[in-house]
Amino acid sequence: MQEKNIVLDISKEMKKYLDDNYTDHKTILTRATNVFIELSECAAIANKANADVFISNHVNAGGEYDK
């Protein structure tokens, strides 16, 4: 399992849910295929679209969790 594949599937499902259940909005995916895009480029896409909300999905672990 690779994060990029899981995150792409999650993002597509989120878009589908939003588009199927809400009106008067525009949902943009920064990538719809399995191609790498730098986070700064994703932010630029959101800024260019004048987005009200930017969601960046991640499912990776960054090490041991300390409470």
PDB file of N, CA and C in Angstrom:
ATOM      1  N   MET A   1       0.853  -1.181   0.000  1.00  0.00           N
ATOM      2  CA  MET A   1       0.000   0.000   0.000  1.00  0.00           C
ATOM      3  C   MET A   1       0.893   1.237   0.000  1.00  0.00           C
ATOM      4  N   GLN A   2       0.542   2.174  -0.830  1.00  0.00           N
ATOM      5  CA  GLN A   2       1.289   3.421  -0.903  1.00  0.00           C
ATOM      6  C   GLN A   2       0.375   4.586  -0.564  1.00  0.00           C
ATOM      7  N   GLU A   3       0.934   5.535   0.192  1.00  0.00           N
ATOM      8  CA  GLU A   3       0.154   6.691   0.614  1.00  0.00           C
ATOM      9  C   GLU A   3      -0.465   7.416  -0.584  1.00  0.00           C
ATOM     10  N   LYS A   4       0.310   7.604  -1.636  1.00  0.00           N
ATOM     11  CA  LYS A   4      -0.189   8.372  -2.787  1.00  0.00           C
ATOM     12  C   LYS A   4      -1.455   7.760  -3.376  1.00  0.00           C
ATOM     13  N   ASN A   5      -1.544   6.439  -3.393  1.00  0.00           N
ATOM     14  CA  ASN A   5      -2.730   5.770  -3.931  1.00  0.00           C
ATOM     15  C   ASN A   5      -3.918   5.888  -2.985  1.00  0.00           C
ATOM     16  N   ILE A   6      -3.660   5.717  -1.694  1.00  0.00           N
ATOM     17  CA  ILE A   6      -4.727   5.811  -0.693  1.00  0.00           C
ATOM     18  C   ILE A   6      -5.299   7.223  -0.662  1.00  0.00           C
ATOM     19  N   VAL A   7      -4.401   8.208  -0.635  1.00  0.00           N
ATOM     20  CA  VAL A   7      -4.824   9.614  -0.561  1.00  0.00           C
ATOM     21  C   VAL A   7      -5.600  10.023  -1.810  1.00  0.00           C
ATOM     22  N   LEU A   8      -5.178   9.565  -2.969  1.00  0.00           N
ATOM     23  CA  LEU A   8      -5.902   9.895  -4.195  1.00  0.00           C
ATOM     24  C   LEU A   8      -7.314   9.324  -4.152  1.00  0.00           C
ATOM     25  N   ASP A   9      -7.448   8.084  -3.702  1.00  0.00           N
ATOM     26  CA  ASP A   9      -8.783   7.475  -3.575  1.00  0.00           C
ATOM     27  C   ASP A   9      -9.653   8.243  -2.576  1.00  0.00           C
ATOM     28  N   ILE A  10      -9.076   8.605  -1.441  1.00  0.00           N
ATOM     29  CA  ILE A  10      -9.816   9.361  -0.419  1.00  0.00           C
ATOM     30  C   ILE A  10     -10.267  10.710  -0.987  1.00  0.00           C
ATOM     31  N   SER A  11      -9.368  11.391  -1.661  1.00  0.00           N
ATOM     32  CA  SER A  11      -9.686  12.710  -2.214  1.00  0.00           C
ATOM     33  C   SER A  11     -10.788  12.636  -3.256  1.00  0.00           C
ATOM     34  N   LYS A  12     -10.737  11.628  -4.112  1.00  0.00           N
ATOM     35  CA  LYS A  12     -11.789  11.459  -5.120  1.00  0.00           C
ATOM     36  C   LYS A  12     -13.134  11.159  -4.467  1.00  0.00           C
ATOM     37  N   GLU A  13     -13.134  10.361  -3.414  1.00  0.00           N
ATOM     38  CA  GLU A  13     -14.380  10.060  -2.695  1.00  0.00           C
ATOM     39  C   GLU A  13     -14.921  11.307  -1.999  1.00  0.00           C
ATOM     40  N   MET A  14     -14.027  12.119  -1.422  1.00  0.00           N
ATOM     41  CA  MET A  14     -14.454  13.366  -0.788  1.00  0.00           C
ATOM     42  C   MET A  14     -15.106  14.288  -1.810  1.00  0.00           C
ATOM     43  N   LYS A  15     -14.489  14.431  -2.977  1.00  0.00           N
ATOM     44  CA  LYS A  15     -15.047  15.274  -4.036  1.00  0.00           C
ATOM     45  C   LYS A  15     -16.415  14.765  -4.462  1.00  0.00           C
ATOM     46  N   LYS A  16     -16.518  13.467  -4.678  1.00  0.00           N
ATOM     47  CA  LYS A  16     -17.790  12.874  -5.088  1.00  0.00           C
ATOM     48  C   LYS A  16     -18.867  13.135  -4.039  1.00  0.00           C
ATOM     49  N   TYR A  17     -18.526  12.954  -2.765  1.00  0.00           N
ATOM     50  CA  TYR A  17     -19.491  13.186  -1.690  1.00  0.00           C
ATOM     51  C   TYR A  17     -19.951  14.647  -1.683  1.00  0.00           C
ATOM     52  N   LEU A  18     -19.007  15.562  -1.760  1.00  0.00           N
ATOM     53  CA  LEU A  18     -19.357  16.983  -1.742  1.00  0.00           C
ATOM     54  C   LEU A  18     -20.215  17.352  -2.943  1.00  0.00           C
ATOM     55  N   ASP A  19     -19.826  16.876  -4.117  1.00  0.00           N
ATOM     56  CA  ASP A  19     -20.579  17.206  -5.334  1.00  0.00           C
ATOM     57  C   ASP A  19     -21.971  16.575  -5.345  1.00  0.00           C
ATOM     58  N   ASP A  20     -22.098  15.391  -4.762  1.00  0.00           N
ATOM     59  CA  ASP A  20     -23.392  14.697  -4.726  1.00  0.00           C
ATOM     60  C   ASP A  20     -24.342  15.254  -3.666  1.00  0.00           C
ATOM     61  N   ASN A  21     -23.792  15.873  -2.617  1.00  0.00           N
ATOM     62  CA  ASN A  21     -24.620  16.253  -1.478  1.00  0.00           C
ATOM     63  C   ASN A  21     -24.751  17.751  -1.234  1.00  0.00           C
ATOM     64  N   TYR A  22     -23.986  18.560  -1.942  1.00  0.00           N
ATOM     65  CA  TYR A  22     -24.025  20.007  -1.713  1.00  0.00           C
ATOM     66  C   TYR A  22     -24.108  20.743  -3.050  1.00  0.00           C
ATOM     67  N   THR A  23     -24.707  21.923  -3.012  1.00  0.00           N
ATOM     68  CA  THR A  23     -24.804  22.760  -4.202  1.00  0.00           C
ATOM     69  C   THR A  23     -24.077  24.073  -3.940  1.00  0.00           C
ATOM     70  N   ASP A  24     -23.984  24.874  -4.967  1.00  0.00           N
ATOM     71  CA  ASP A  24     -23.375  26.212  -4.863  1.00  0.00           C
ATOM     72  C   ASP A  24     -21.943  26.167  -4.342  1.00  0.00           C
ATOM     73  N   HIS A  25     -21.186  25.228  -4.848  1.00  0.00           N
ATOM     74  CA  HIS A  25     -19.773  25.157  -4.495  1.00  0.00           C
ATOM     75  C   HIS A  25     -18.999  24.655  -5.708  1.00  0.00           C
ATOM     76  N   LYS A  26     -17.706  24.803  -5.649  1.00  0.00           N
ATOM     77  CA  LYS A  26     -16.821  24.277  -6.690  1.00  0.00           C
ATOM     78  C   LYS A  26     -15.725  23.481  -5.997  1.00  0.00           C
ATOM     79  N   THR A  27     -15.610  22.221  -6.348  1.00  0.00           N
ATOM     80  CA  THR A  27     -14.599  21.351  -5.754  1.00  0.00           C
ATOM     81  C   THR A  27     -13.495  21.112  -6.777  1.00  0.00           C
ATOM     82  N   ILE A  28     -12.266  21.400  -6.389  1.00  0.00           N
ATOM     83  CA  ILE A  28     -11.123  21.240  -7.279  1.00  0.00           C
ATOM     84  C   ILE A  28     -10.132  20.261  -6.648  1.00  0.00           C
ATOM     85  N   LEU A  29      -9.715  19.281  -7.413  1.00  0.00           N
ATOM     86  CA  LEU A  29      -8.630  18.399  -6.981  1.00  0.00           C
ATOM     87  C   LEU A  29      -7.332  18.929  -7.579  1.00  0.00           C
ATOM     88  N   THR A  30      -6.288  18.991  -6.782  1.00  0.00           N
ATOM     89  CA  THR A  30      -5.004  19.441  -7.320  1.00  0.00           C
ATOM     90  C   THR A  30      -4.383  18.360  -8.196  1.00  0.00           C
ATOM     91  N   ARG A  31      -4.804  17.111  -7.997  1.00  0.00           N
ATOM     92  CA  ARG A  31      -4.400  16.028  -8.893  1.00  0.00           C
ATOM     93  C   ARG A  31      -5.513  15.003  -8.938  1.00  0.00           C
ATOM     94  N   ALA A  32      -5.807  14.519 -10.138  1.00  0.00           N
ATOM     95  CA  ALA A  32      -6.850  13.506 -10.318  1.00  0.00           C
ATOM     96  C   ALA A  32      -6.253  12.196 -10.825  1.00  0.00           C
ATOM     97  N   THR A  33      -4.947  12.209 -11.055  1.00  0.00           N
ATOM     98  CA  THR A  33      -4.233  11.012 -11.490  1.00  0.00           C
ATOM     99  C   THR A  33      -3.032  10.805 -10.571  1.00  0.00           C
ATOM    100  N   ASN A  34      -2.360   9.711 -10.757  1.00  0.00           N
ATOM    101  CA  ASN A  34      -1.246   9.359  -9.891  1.00  0.00           C
ATOM    102  C   ASN A  34       0.042  10.048 -10.341  1.00  0.00           C
ATOM    103  N   VAL A  35       0.069  11.364 -10.201  1.00  0.00           N
ATOM    104  CA  VAL A  35       1.238  12.161 -10.557  1.00  0.00           C
ATOM    105  C   VAL A  35       1.603  13.027  -9.346  1.00  0.00           C
ATOM    106  N   PHE A  36       2.896  13.183  -9.076  1.00  0.00           N
ATOM    107  CA  PHE A  36       3.348  13.942  -7.904  1.00  0.00           C
ATOM    108  C   PHE A  36       3.267  15.435  -8.167  1.00  0.00           C
ATOM    109  N   ILE A  37       2.738  16.162  -7.190  1.00  0.00           N
ATOM    110  CA  ILE A  37       2.693  17.621  -7.240  1.00  0.00           C
ATOM    111  C   ILE A  37       3.195  18.128  -5.892  1.00  0.00           C
ATOM    112  N   GLU A  38       4.157  19.041  -5.920  1.00  0.00           N
ATOM    113  CA  GLU A  38       4.686  19.632  -4.689  1.00  0.00           C
ATOM    114  C   GLU A  38       3.574  20.343  -3.924  1.00  0.00           C
ATOM    115  N   LEU A  39       3.661  20.326  -2.593  1.00  0.00           N
ATOM    116  CA  LEU A  39       2.654  20.981  -1.766  1.00  0.00           C
ATOM    117  C   LEU A  39       2.556  22.468  -2.097  1.00  0.00           C
ATOM    118  N   SER A  40       3.689  23.103  -2.380  1.00  0.00           N
ATOM    119  CA  SER A  40       3.656  24.532  -2.737  1.00  0.00           C
ATOM    120  C   SER A  40       2.865  24.760  -4.028  1.00  0.00           C
ATOM    121  N   GLU A  41       2.951  23.827  -4.969  1.00  0.00           N
ATOM    122  CA  GLU A  41       2.173  23.942  -6.205  1.00  0.00           C
ATOM    123  C   GLU A  41       0.685  23.734  -5.934  1.00  0.00           C
ATOM    124  N   CYS A  42       0.378  22.812  -5.015  1.00  0.00           N
ATOM    125  CA  CYS A  42      -1.029  22.602  -4.622  1.00  0.00           C
ATOM    126  C   CYS A  42      -1.594  23.877  -4.009  1.00  0.00           C
ATOM    127  N   ALA A  43      -0.813  24.512  -3.148  1.00  0.00           N
ATOM    128  CA  ALA A  43      -1.252  25.768  -2.524  1.00  0.00           C
ATOM    129  C   ALA A  43      -1.444  26.856  -3.573  1.00  0.00           C
ATOM    130  N   ALA A  44      -0.571  26.896  -4.572  1.00  0.00           N
ATOM    131  CA  ALA A  44      -0.704  27.882  -5.647  1.00  0.00           C
ATOM    132  C   ALA A  44      -1.984  27.654  -6.441  1.00  0.00           C
ATOM    133  N   ILE A  45      -2.342  26.396  -6.670  1.00  0.00           N
ATOM    134  CA  ILE A  45      -3.589  26.072  -7.374  1.00  0.00           C
ATOM    135  C   ILE A  45      -4.780  26.576  -6.561  1.00  0.00           C
ATOM    136  N   ALA A  46      -4.752  26.332  -5.249  1.00  0.00           N
ATOM    137  CA  ALA A  46      -5.839  26.790  -4.375  1.00  0.00           C
ATOM    138  C   ALA A  46      -5.913  28.315  -4.350  1.00  0.00           C
ATOM    139  N   ASN A  47      -4.775  28.975  -4.282  1.00  0.00           N
ATOM    140  CA  ASN A  47      -4.750  30.444  -4.270  1.00  0.00           C
ATOM    141  C   ASN A  47      -5.270  31.010  -5.582  1.00  0.00           C
ATOM    142  N   LYS A  48      -4.883  30.421  -6.696  1.00  0.00           N
ATOM    143  CA  LYS A  48      -5.345  30.886  -8.007  1.00  0.00           C
ATOM    144  C   LYS A  48      -6.860  30.739  -8.141  1.00  0.00           C
ATOM    145  N   ALA A  49      -7.405  29.679  -7.522  1.00  0.00           N
ATOM    146  CA  ALA A  49      -8.856  29.445  -7.569  1.00  0.00           C
ATOM    147  C   ALA A  49      -9.593  30.285  -6.521  1.00  0.00           C
ATOM    148  N   ASN A  50      -8.838  31.048  -5.716  1.00  0.00           N
ATOM    149  CA  ASN A  50      -9.426  31.857  -4.642  1.00  0.00           C
ATOM    150  C   ASN A  50     -10.250  30.979  -3.697  1.00  0.00           C
ATOM    151  N   ALA A  51      -9.665  29.854  -3.321  1.00  0.00           N
ATOM    152  CA  ALA A  51     -10.357  28.866  -2.494  1.00  0.00           C
ATOM    153  C   ALA A  51     -10.658  29.402  -1.098  1.00  0.00           C
ATOM    154  N   ASP A  52     -11.815  29.028  -0.594  1.00  0.00           N
ATOM    155  CA  ASP A  52     -12.178  29.337   0.790  1.00  0.00           C
ATOM    156  C   ASP A  52     -11.618  28.280   1.742  1.00  0.00           C
ATOM    157  N   VAL A  53     -11.449  27.063   1.226  1.00  0.00           N
ATOM    158  CA  VAL A  53     -10.955  25.945   2.028  1.00  0.00           C
ATOM    159  C   VAL A  53      -9.932  25.172   1.207  1.00  0.00           C
ATOM    160  N   PHE A  54      -8.840  24.760   1.856  1.00  0.00           N
ATOM    161  CA  PHE A  54      -7.823  23.927   1.221  1.00  0.00           C
ATOM    162  C   PHE A  54      -7.588  22.731   2.131  1.00  0.00           C
ATOM    163  N   ILE A  55      -7.804  21.540   1.621  1.00  0.00           N
ATOM    164  CA  ILE A  55      -7.619  20.318   2.401  1.00  0.00           C
ATOM    165  C   ILE A  55      -6.489  19.521   1.777  1.00  0.00           C
ATOM    166  N   SER A  56      -5.520  19.162   2.599  1.00  0.00           N
ATOM    167  CA  SER A  56      -4.399  18.352   2.142  1.00  0.00           C
ATOM    168  C   SER A  56      -4.448  17.029   2.894  1.00  0.00           C
ATOM    169  N   ASN A  57      -4.783  15.958   2.196  1.00  0.00           N
ATOM    170  CA  ASN A  57      -4.926  14.647   2.834  1.00  0.00           C
ATOM    171  C   ASN A  57      -3.586  13.925   2.923  1.00  0.00           C
ATOM    172  N   HIS A  58      -3.340  13.335   4.076  1.00  0.00           N
ATOM    173  CA  HIS A  58      -2.132  12.538   4.303  1.00  0.00           C
ATOM    174  C   HIS A  58      -2.497  11.354   5.180  1.00  0.00           C
ATOM    175  N   VAL A  59      -1.871  10.223   4.953  1.00  0.00           N
ATOM    176  CA  VAL A  59      -2.122   9.045   5.789  1.00  0.00           C
ATOM    177  C   VAL A  59      -0.820   8.399   6.250  1.00  0.00           C
ATOM    178  N   ASN A  60       0.279   9.121   6.120  1.00  0.00           N
ATOM    179  CA  ASN A  60       1.559   8.565   6.526  1.00  0.00           C
ATOM    180  C   ASN A  60       1.830   8.804   8.002  1.00  0.00           C
ATOM    181  N   ALA A  61       2.751   8.051   8.555  1.00  0.00           N
ATOM    182  CA  ALA A  61       3.153   8.209   9.950  1.00  0.00           C
ATOM    183  C   ALA A  61       4.520   8.891   9.986  1.00  0.00           C
ATOM    184  N   GLY A  62       4.695   9.772  10.936  1.00  0.00           N
ATOM    185  CA  GLY A  62       5.936  10.517  11.020  1.00  0.00           C
ATOM    186  C   GLY A  62       6.837  10.074  12.144  1.00  0.00           C
ATOM    187  N   GLY A  63       6.590   8.957  12.740  1.00  0.00           N
ATOM    188  CA  GLY A  63       7.426   8.487  13.830  1.00  0.00           C
ATOM    189  C   GLY A  63       6.582   8.188  15.057  1.00  0.00           C
ATOM    190  N   GLU A  64       7.266   7.984  16.148  1.00  0.00           N
ATOM    191  CA  GLU A  64       6.596   7.611  17.394  1.00  0.00           C
ATOM    192  C   GLU A  64       5.830   8.792  17.945  1.00  0.00           C
ATOM    193  N   TYR A  65       4.636   8.548  18.421  1.00  0.00           N
ATOM    194  CA  TYR A  65       3.775   9.594  18.973  1.00  0.00           C
ATOM    195  C   TYR A  65       4.056   9.761  20.459  1.00  0.00           C
ATOM    196  N   ASP A  66       4.338  10.984  20.873  1.00  0.00           N
ATOM    197  CA  ASP A  66       4.550  11.307  22.287  1.00  0.00           C
ATOM    198  C   ASP A  66       3.362  12.074  22.802  1.00  0.00           C
ATOM    199  N   LYS A  67       2.856  11.656  23.963  1.00  0.00           N
ATOM    200  CA  LYS A  67       1.720  12.353  24.563  1.00  0.00           C
ATOM    201  C   LYS A  67       2.184  13.520  25.372  1.00  0.00           C
TER     202      LYS A  67
END
